[in-house]
mmCIF file of all heavy atoms, coordinates in Angstrom:
data_MODEL
# 
_entry.id   MODEL 
# 
loop_
_atom_site.group_PDB 
_atom_site.id 
_atom_site.type_symbol 
_atom_site.label_atom_id 
_atom_site.label_alt_id 
_atom_site.label_comp_id 
_atom_site.label_asym_id 
_atom_site.label_entity_id 
_atom_site.label_seq_id 
_atom_site.pdbx_PDB_ins_code 
_atom_site.Cartn_x 
_atom_site.Cartn_y 
_atom_site.Cartn_z 
_atom_site.occupancy 
_atom_site.B_iso_or_equiv 
_atom_site.pdbx_formal_charge 
_atom_site.auth_seq_id 
_atom_site.auth_comp_id 
_atom_site.auth_asym_id 
_atom_site.auth_atom_id 
_atom_site.pdbx_PDB_model_num 
ATOM 1   N N   . THR A 1 1  ? -71.105 -62.236 -113.738 1.00 0.00 ? 1  THR A N   1 
ATOM 2   C CA  . THR A 1 1  ? -71.429 -60.839 -114.024 1.00 0.00 ? 1  THR A CA  1 
ATOM 3   C C   . THR A 1 1  ? -72.919 -60.589 -113.805 1.00 0.00 ? 1  THR A C   1 
ATOM 4   O O   . THR A 1 1  ? -73.316 -59.616 -113.120 1.00 0.00 ? 1  THR A O   1 
ATOM 5   C CB  . THR A 1 1  ? -71.047 -60.480 -115.455 1.00 0.00 ? 1  THR A CB  1 
ATOM 6   O OG1 . THR A 1 1  ? -69.663 -60.691 -115.667 1.00 0.00 ? 1  THR A OG1 1 
ATOM 7   C CG2 . THR A 1 1  ? -71.394 -59.032 -115.793 1.00 0.00 ? 1  THR A CG2 1 
ATOM 8   N N   . ALA A 1 2  ? -73.773 -61.443 -114.367 1.00 0.00 ? 2  ALA A N   1 
ATOM 9   C CA  . ALA A 1 2  ? -75.208 -61.274 -114.205 1.00 0.00 ? 2  ALA A CA  1 
ATOM 10  C C   . ALA A 1 2  ? -75.629 -61.364 -112.750 1.00 0.00 ? 2  ALA A C   1 
ATOM 11  O O   . ALA A 1 2  ? -76.468 -60.575 -112.280 1.00 0.00 ? 2  ALA A O   1 
ATOM 12  C CB  . ALA A 1 2  ? -75.932 -62.345 -115.032 1.00 0.00 ? 2  ALA A CB  1 
ATOM 13  N N   . THR A 1 3  ? -75.023 -62.285 -112.008 1.00 0.00 ? 3  THR A N   1 
ATOM 14  C CA  . THR A 1 3  ? -75.415 -62.478 -110.616 1.00 0.00 ? 3  THR A CA  1 
ATOM 15  C C   . THR A 1 3  ? -74.972 -61.346 -109.718 1.00 0.00 ? 3  THR A C   1 
ATOM 16  O O   . THR A 1 3  ? -75.734 -60.863 -108.873 1.00 0.00 ? 3  THR A O   1 
ATOM 17  C CB  . THR A 1 3  ? -74.839 -63.808 -110.116 1.00 0.00 ? 3  THR A CB  1 
ATOM 18  O OG1 . THR A 1 3  ? -75.344 -64.868 -110.941 1.00 0.00 ? 3  THR A OG1 1 
ATOM 19  C CG2 . THR A 1 3  ? -75.222 -64.083 -108.686 1.00 0.00 ? 3  THR A CG2 1 
ATOM 20  N N   . LEU A 1 4  ? -73.741 -60.870 -109.871 1.00 0.00 ? 4  LEU A N   1 
ATOM 21  C CA  . LEU A 1 4  ? -73.266 -59.728 -109.096 1.00 0.00 ? 4  LEU A CA  1 
ATOM 22  C C   . LEU A 1 4  ? -74.042 -58.460 -109.442 1.00 0.00 ? 4  LEU A C   1 
ATOM 23  O O   . LEU A 1 4  ? -74.372 -57.668 -108.555 1.00 0.00 ? 4  LEU A O   1 
ATOM 24  C CB  . LEU A 1 4  ? -71.780 -59.522 -109.293 1.00 0.00 ? 4  LEU A CB  1 
ATOM 25  C CG  . LEU A 1 4  ? -70.825 -60.639 -108.841 1.00 0.00 ? 4  LEU A CG  1 
ATOM 26  C CD1 . LEU A 1 4  ? -69.385 -60.196 -108.991 1.00 0.00 ? 4  LEU A CD1 1 
ATOM 27  C CD2 . LEU A 1 4  ? -71.092 -61.090 -107.421 1.00 0.00 ? 4  LEU A CD2 1 
ATOM 28  N N   . SER A 1 5  ? -74.323 -58.294 -110.705 1.00 0.00 ? 5  SER A N   1 
ATOM 29  C CA  . SER A 1 5  ? -75.106 -57.107 -111.134 1.00 0.00 ? 5  SER A CA  1 
ATOM 30  C C   . SER A 1 5  ? -76.491 -57.118 -110.523 1.00 0.00 ? 5  SER A C   1 
ATOM 31  O O   . SER A 1 5  ? -76.993 -56.089 -110.060 1.00 0.00 ? 5  SER A O   1 
ATOM 32  C CB  . SER A 1 5  ? -75.186 -57.062 -112.658 1.00 0.00 ? 5  SER A CB  1 
ATOM 33  O OG  . SER A 1 5  ? -73.899 -56.911 -113.226 1.00 0.00 ? 5  SER A OG  1 
ATOM 34  N N   . ALA A 1 6  ? -77.135 -58.269 -110.556 1.00 0.00 ? 6  ALA A N   1 
ATOM 35  C CA  . ALA A 1 6  ? -78.481 -58.390 -109.968 1.00 0.00 ? 6  ALA A CA  1 
ATOM 36  C C   . ALA A 1 6  ? -78.478 -58.122 -108.469 1.00 0.00 ? 6  ALA A C   1 
ATOM 37  O O   . ALA A 1 6  ? -79.493 -57.710 -107.902 1.00 0.00 ? 6  ALA A O   1 
ATOM 38  C CB  . ALA A 1 6  ? -79.045 -59.778 -110.245 1.00 0.00 ? 6  ALA A CB  1 
ATOM 39  N N   . ALA A 1 7  ? -77.319 -58.332 -107.816 1.00 0.00 ? 7  ALA A N   1 
ATOM 40  C CA  . ALA A 1 7  ? -77.202 -58.050 -106.388 1.00 0.00 ? 7  ALA A CA  1 
ATOM 41  C C   . ALA A 1 7  ? -76.823 -56.613 -106.096 1.00 0.00 ? 7  ALA A C   1 
ATOM 42  O O   . ALA A 1 7  ? -76.554 -56.273 -104.936 1.00 0.00 ? 7  ALA A O   1 
ATOM 43  C CB  . ALA A 1 7  ? -76.157 -59.003 -105.772 1.00 0.00 ? 7  ALA A CB  1 
ATOM 44  N N   . GLY A 1 8  ? -76.769 -55.768 -107.144 1.00 0.00 ? 8  GLY A N   1 
ATOM 45  C CA  . GLY A 1 8  ? -76.496 -54.359 -106.927 1.00 0.00 ? 8  GLY A CA  1 
ATOM 46  C C   . GLY A 1 8  ? -75.096 -53.884 -107.213 1.00 0.00 ? 8  GLY A C   1 
ATOM 47  O O   . GLY A 1 8  ? -74.781 -52.721 -107.070 1.00 0.00 ? 8  GLY A O   1 
ATOM 48  N N   . CYS A 1 9  ? -74.231 -54.816 -107.674 1.00 0.00 ? 9  CYS A N   1 
ATOM 49  C CA  . CYS A 1 9  ? -72.842 -54.477 -107.917 1.00 0.00 ? 9  CYS A CA  1 
ATOM 50  C C   . CYS A 1 9  ? -72.696 -53.807 -109.289 1.00 0.00 ? 9  CYS A C   1 
ATOM 51  O O   . CYS A 1 9  ? -73.294 -54.238 -110.266 1.00 0.00 ? 9  CYS A O   1 
ATOM 52  C CB  . CYS A 1 9  ? -72.009 -55.761 -107.897 1.00 0.00 ? 9  CYS A CB  1 
ATOM 53  S SG  . CYS A 1 9  ? -70.231 -55.515 -107.802 1.00 0.00 ? 9  CYS A SG  1 
ATOM 54  N N   . ARG A 1 10 ? -71.892 -52.747 -109.375 1.00 0.00 ? 10 ARG A N   1 
ATOM 55  C CA  . ARG A 1 10 ? -71.548 -52.157 -110.649 1.00 0.00 ? 10 ARG A CA  1 
ATOM 56  C C   . ARG A 1 10 ? -70.413 -52.984 -111.230 1.00 0.00 ? 10 ARG A C   1 
ATOM 57  O O   . ARG A 1 10 ? -69.380 -53.184 -110.580 1.00 0.00 ? 10 ARG A O   1 
ATOM 58  C CB  . ARG A 1 10 ? -71.094 -50.698 -110.487 1.00 0.00 ? 10 ARG A CB  1 
ATOM 59  C CG  . ARG A 1 10 ? -72.242 -49.782 -110.122 1.00 0.00 ? 10 ARG A CG  1 
ATOM 60  C CD  . ARG A 1 10 ? -71.803 -48.336 -110.147 1.00 0.00 ? 10 ARG A CD  1 
ATOM 61  N NE  . ARG A 1 10 ? -70.771 -48.084 -109.123 1.00 0.00 ? 10 ARG A NE  1 
ATOM 62  C CZ  . ARG A 1 10 ? -69.673 -47.370 -109.351 1.00 0.00 ? 10 ARG A CZ  1 
ATOM 63  N NH1 . ARG A 1 10 ? -69.403 -46.859 -110.529 1.00 0.00 ? 10 ARG A NH1 1 
ATOM 64  N NH2 . ARG A 1 10 ? -68.798 -47.169 -108.370 1.00 0.00 ? 10 ARG A NH2 1 
ATOM 65  N N   . THR A 1 11 ? -70.585 -53.496 -112.442 1.00 0.00 ? 11 THR A N   1 
ATOM 66  C CA  . THR A 1 11 ? -69.638 -54.481 -112.987 1.00 0.00 ? 11 THR A CA  1 
ATOM 67  C C   . THR A 1 11 ? -69.049 -54.041 -114.300 1.00 0.00 ? 11 THR A C   1 
ATOM 68  O O   . THR A 1 11 ? -69.692 -53.393 -115.136 1.00 0.00 ? 11 THR A O   1 
ATOM 69  C CB  . THR A 1 11 ? -70.339 -55.845 -113.187 1.00 0.00 ? 11 THR A CB  1 
ATOM 70  O OG1 . THR A 1 11 ? -71.462 -55.673 -114.057 1.00 0.00 ? 11 THR A OG1 1 
ATOM 71  C CG2 . THR A 1 11 ? -70.798 -56.435 -111.860 1.00 0.00 ? 11 THR A CG2 1 
ATOM 72  N N   . ALA A 1 12 ? -67.799 -54.411 -114.478 1.00 0.00 ? 12 ALA A N   1 
ATOM 73  C CA  . ALA A 1 12 ? -67.076 -54.219 -115.740 1.00 0.00 ? 12 ALA A CA  1 
ATOM 74  C C   . ALA A 1 12 ? -66.567 -55.585 -116.165 1.00 0.00 ? 12 ALA A C   1 
ATOM 75  O O   . ALA A 1 12 ? -66.049 -56.349 -115.344 1.00 0.00 ? 12 ALA A O   1 
ATOM 76  C CB  . ALA A 1 12 ? -65.921 -53.251 -115.581 1.00 0.00 ? 12 ALA A CB  1 
ATOM 77  N N   . ILE A 1 13 ? -66.744 -55.898 -117.441 1.00 0.00 ? 13 ILE A N   1 
ATOM 78  C CA  . ILE A 1 13 ? -66.246 -57.171 -117.947 1.00 0.00 ? 13 ILE A CA  1 
ATOM 79  C C   . ILE A 1 13 ? -65.152 -56.934 -118.974 1.00 0.00 ? 13 ILE A C   1 
ATOM 80  O O   . ILE A 1 13 ? -65.099 -55.890 -119.605 1.00 0.00 ? 13 ILE A O   1 
ATOM 81  C CB  . ILE A 1 13 ? -67.390 -58.027 -118.559 1.00 0.00 ? 13 ILE A CB  1 
ATOM 82  C CG1 . ILE A 1 13 ? -68.065 -57.286 -119.733 1.00 0.00 ? 13 ILE A CG1 1 
ATOM 83  C CG2 . ILE A 1 13 ? -68.396 -58.400 -117.510 1.00 0.00 ? 13 ILE A CG2 1 
ATOM 84  C CD1 . ILE A 1 13 ? -69.090 -58.128 -120.474 1.00 0.00 ? 13 ILE A CD1 1 
ATOM 85  N N   . ALA A 1 14 ? -64.285 -57.925 -119.099 1.00 0.00 ? 14 ALA A N   1 
ATOM 86  C CA  . ALA A 1 14 ? -63.171 -57.825 -120.018 1.00 0.00 ? 14 ALA A CA  1 
ATOM 87  C C   . ALA A 1 14 ? -62.959 -59.178 -120.754 1.00 0.00 ? 14 ALA A C   1 
ATOM 88  O O   . ALA A 1 14 ? -63.208 -60.214 -120.165 1.00 0.00 ? 14 ALA A O   1 
ATOM 89  C CB  . ALA A 1 14 ? -61.886 -57.405 -119.300 1.00 0.00 ? 14 ALA A CB  1 
ATOM 90  N N   . GLY A 1 15 ? -62.529 -59.080 -121.975 1.00 0.00 ? 15 GLY A N   1 
ATOM 91  C CA  . GLY A 1 15 ? -62.253 -60.287 -122.743 1.00 0.00 ? 15 GLY A CA  1 
ATOM 92  C C   . GLY A 1 15 ? -61.585 -59.897 -124.040 1.00 0.00 ? 15 GLY A C   1 
ATOM 93  O O   . GLY A 1 15 ? -61.411 -58.718 -124.364 1.00 0.00 ? 15 GLY A O   1 
ATOM 94  N N   . ARG A 1 16 ? -61.227 -60.915 -124.822 1.00 0.00 ? 16 ARG A N   1 
ATOM 95  C CA  . ARG A 1 16 ? -60.471 -60.649 -126.049 1.00 0.00 ? 16 ARG A CA  1 
ATOM 96  C C   . ARG A 1 16 ? -61.351 -60.227 -127.221 1.00 0.00 ? 16 ARG A C   1 
ATOM 97  O O   . ARG A 1 16 ? -60.883 -59.544 -128.125 1.00 0.00 ? 16 ARG A O   1 
ATOM 98  C CB  . ARG A 1 16 ? -59.685 -61.901 -126.449 1.00 0.00 ? 16 ARG A CB  1 
ATOM 99  C CG  . ARG A 1 16 ? -58.517 -62.227 -125.535 1.00 0.00 ? 16 ARG A CG  1 
ATOM 100 C CD  . ARG A 1 16 ? -57.865 -63.554 -125.913 1.00 0.00 ? 16 ARG A CD  1 
ATOM 101 N NE  . ARG A 1 16 ? -58.721 -64.691 -125.682 1.00 0.00 ? 16 ARG A NE  1 
ATOM 102 C CZ  . ARG A 1 16 ? -58.477 -65.927 -126.052 1.00 0.00 ? 16 ARG A CZ  1 
ATOM 103 N NH1 . ARG A 1 16 ? -57.377 -66.178 -126.728 1.00 0.00 ? 16 ARG A NH1 1 
ATOM 104 N NH2 . ARG A 1 16 ? -59.304 -66.879 -125.760 1.00 0.00 ? 16 ARG A NH2 1 
ATOM 105 N N   . ARG A 1 17 ? -62.623 -60.636 -127.243 1.00 0.00 ? 17 ARG A N   1 
ATOM 106 C CA  . ARG A 1 17 ? -63.463 -60.445 -128.416 1.00 0.00 ? 17 ARG A CA  1 
ATOM 107 C C   . ARG A 1 17 ? -64.503 -59.372 -128.178 1.00 0.00 ? 17 ARG A C   1 
ATOM 108 O O   . ARG A 1 17 ? -65.399 -59.547 -127.350 1.00 0.00 ? 17 ARG A O   1 
ATOM 109 C CB  . ARG A 1 17 ? -64.117 -61.766 -128.794 1.00 0.00 ? 17 ARG A CB  1 
ATOM 110 C CG  . ARG A 1 17 ? -63.118 -62.846 -129.254 1.00 0.00 ? 17 ARG A CG  1 
ATOM 111 C CD  . ARG A 1 17 ? -63.748 -64.197 -129.383 1.00 0.00 ? 17 ARG A CD  1 
ATOM 112 N NE  . ARG A 1 17 ? -64.177 -64.728 -128.088 1.00 0.00 ? 17 ARG A NE  1 
ATOM 113 C CZ  . ARG A 1 17 ? -64.800 -65.900 -127.926 1.00 0.00 ? 17 ARG A CZ  1 
ATOM 114 N NH1 . ARG A 1 17 ? -65.084 -66.636 -128.980 1.00 0.00 ? 17 ARG A NH1 1 
ATOM 115 N NH2 . ARG A 1 17 ? -65.133 -66.303 -126.719 1.00 0.00 ? 17 ARG A NH2 1 
ATOM 116 N N   . GLN A 1 18 ? -64.392 -58.283 -128.933 1.00 0.00 ? 18 GLN A N   1 
ATOM 117 C CA  . GLN A 1 18 ? -65.290 -57.160 -128.741 1.00 0.00 ? 18 GLN A CA  1 
ATOM 118 C C   . GLN A 1 18 ? -66.737 -57.547 -128.996 1.00 0.00 ? 18 GLN A C   1 
ATOM 119 O O   . GLN A 1 18 ? -67.630 -57.098 -128.305 1.00 0.00 ? 18 GLN A O   1 
ATOM 120 C CB  . GLN A 1 18 ? -64.867 -56.027 -129.704 1.00 0.00 ? 18 GLN A CB  1 
ATOM 121 C CG  . GLN A 1 18 ? -65.676 -54.751 -129.514 1.00 0.00 ? 18 GLN A CG  1 
ATOM 122 C CD  . GLN A 1 18 ? -65.384 -54.051 -128.177 1.00 0.00 ? 18 GLN A CD  1 
ATOM 123 O OE1 . GLN A 1 18 ? -64.237 -53.774 -127.873 1.00 0.00 ? 18 GLN A OE1 1 
ATOM 124 N NE2 . GLN A 1 18 ? -66.427 -53.829 -127.376 1.00 0.00 ? 18 GLN A NE2 1 
ATOM 125 N N   . GLU A 1 19 ? -66.973 -58.369 -130.016 1.00 0.00 ? 19 GLU A N   1 
ATOM 126 C CA  . GLU A 1 19 ? -68.355 -58.721 -130.349 1.00 0.00 ? 19 GLU A CA  1 
ATOM 127 C C   . GLU A 1 19 ? -69.028 -59.517 -129.218 1.00 0.00 ? 19 GLU A C   1 
ATOM 128 O O   . GLU A 1 19 ? -70.212 -59.341 -128.930 1.00 0.00 ? 19 GLU A O   1 
ATOM 129 C CB  . GLU A 1 19 ? -68.421 -59.528 -131.655 1.00 0.00 ? 19 GLU A CB  1 
ATOM 130 C CG  . GLU A 1 19 ? -67.813 -60.917 -131.638 1.00 0.00 ? 19 GLU A CG  1 
ATOM 131 C CD  . GLU A 1 19 ? -66.289 -60.927 -131.863 1.00 0.00 ? 19 GLU A CD  1 
ATOM 132 O OE1 . GLU A 1 19 ? -65.673 -59.824 -131.859 1.00 0.00 ? 19 GLU A OE1 1 
ATOM 133 O OE2 . GLU A 1 19 ? -65.753 -62.017 -132.042 1.00 0.00 ? 19 GLU A OE2 1 
ATOM 134 N N   . LYS A 1 20 ? -68.255 -60.356 -128.540 1.00 0.00 ? 20 LYS A N   1 
ATOM 135 C CA  . LYS A 1 20 ? -68.810 -61.103 -127.399 1.00 0.00 ? 20 LYS A CA  1 
ATOM 136 C C   . LYS A 1 20 ? -69.105 -60.169 -126.232 1.00 0.00 ? 20 LYS A C   1 
ATOM 137 O O   . LYS A 1 20 ? -70.110 -60.296 -125.549 1.00 0.00 ? 20 LYS A O   1 
ATOM 138 C CB  . LYS A 1 20 ? -67.836 -62.183 -126.972 1.00 0.00 ? 20 LYS A CB  1 
ATOM 139 C CG  . LYS A 1 20 ? -67.676 -63.328 -127.969 1.00 0.00 ? 20 LYS A CG  1 
ATOM 140 C CD  . LYS A 1 20 ? -68.907 -64.198 -128.022 1.00 0.00 ? 20 LYS A CD  1 
ATOM 141 C CE  . LYS A 1 20 ? -68.672 -65.428 -128.908 1.00 0.00 ? 20 LYS A CE  1 
ATOM 142 N NZ  . LYS A 1 20 ? -69.878 -66.281 -129.000 1.00 0.00 ? 20 LYS A NZ  1 
ATOM 143 N N   . LEU A 1 21 ? -68.238 -59.228 -126.009 1.00 0.00 ? 21 LEU A N   1 
ATOM 144 C CA  . LEU A 1 21 ? -68.423 -58.250 -124.935 1.00 0.00 ? 21 LEU A CA  1 
ATOM 145 C C   . LEU A 1 21 ? -69.654 -57.406 -125.229 1.00 0.00 ? 21 LEU A C   1 
ATOM 146 O O   . LEU A 1 21 ? -70.485 -57.179 -124.321 1.00 0.00 ? 21 LEU A O   1 
ATOM 147 C CB  . LEU A 1 21 ? -67.201 -57.354 -124.815 1.00 0.00 ? 21 LEU A CB  1 
ATOM 148 C CG  . LEU A 1 21 ? -65.902 -58.005 -124.321 1.00 0.00 ? 21 LEU A CG  1 
ATOM 149 C CD1 . LEU A 1 21 ? -64.734 -57.061 -124.497 1.00 0.00 ? 21 LEU A CD1 1 
ATOM 150 C CD2 . LEU A 1 21 ? -66.023 -58.446 -122.884 1.00 0.00 ? 21 LEU A CD2 1 
ATOM 151 N N   . ASP A 1 22 ? -69.796 -56.960 -126.455 1.00 0.00 ? 22 ASP A N   1 
ATOM 152 C CA  . ASP A 1 22 ? -70.959 -56.111 -126.824 1.00 0.00 ? 22 ASP A CA  1 
ATOM 153 C C   . ASP A 1 22 ? -72.264 -56.897 -126.607 1.00 0.00 ? 22 ASP A C   1 
ATOM 154 O O   . ASP A 1 22 ? -73.255 -56.342 -126.090 1.00 0.00 ? 22 ASP A O   1 
ATOM 155 C CB  . ASP A 1 22 ? -70.832 -55.653 -128.269 1.00 0.00 ? 22 ASP A CB  1 
ATOM 156 C CG  . ASP A 1 22 ? -69.717 -54.651 -128.492 1.00 0.00 ? 22 ASP A CG  1 
ATOM 157 O OD1 . ASP A 1 22 ? -69.244 -54.066 -127.500 1.00 0.00 ? 22 ASP A OD1 1 
ATOM 158 O OD2 . ASP A 1 22 ? -69.331 -54.485 -129.651 1.00 0.00 ? 22 ASP A OD2 1 
ATOM 159 N N   . ALA A 1 23 ? -72.277 -58.169 -127.027 1.00 0.00 ? 23 ALA A N   1 
ATOM 160 C CA  . ALA A 1 23 ? -73.478 -58.990 -126.881 1.00 0.00 ? 23 ALA A CA  1 
ATOM 161 C C   . ALA A 1 23 ? -73.814 -59.183 -125.396 1.00 0.00 ? 23 ALA A C   1 
ATOM 162 O O   . ALA A 1 23 ? -74.991 -59.133 -124.995 1.00 0.00 ? 23 ALA A O   1 
ATOM 163 C CB  . ALA A 1 23 ? -73.291 -60.336 -127.571 1.00 0.00 ? 23 ALA A CB  1 
ATOM 164 N N   . ALA A 1 24 ? -72.805 -59.387 -124.550 1.00 0.00 ? 24 ALA A N   1 
ATOM 165 C CA  . ALA A 1 24 ? -73.045 -59.572 -123.136 1.00 0.00 ? 24 ALA A CA  1 
ATOM 166 C C   . ALA A 1 24 ? -73.599 -58.322 -122.507 1.00 0.00 ? 24 ALA A C   1 
ATOM 167 O O   . ALA A 1 24 ? -74.560 -58.358 -121.714 1.00 0.00 ? 24 ALA A O   1 
ATOM 168 C CB  . ALA A 1 24 ? -71.751 -59.991 -122.437 1.00 0.00 ? 24 ALA A CB  1 
# 
């Protein structure tokens, strides 16, 4: 996610734990 975003990509992440997603 960090690498694609730094290359200009608009990114969406998904996972089971909301707190981990928020921190990311």
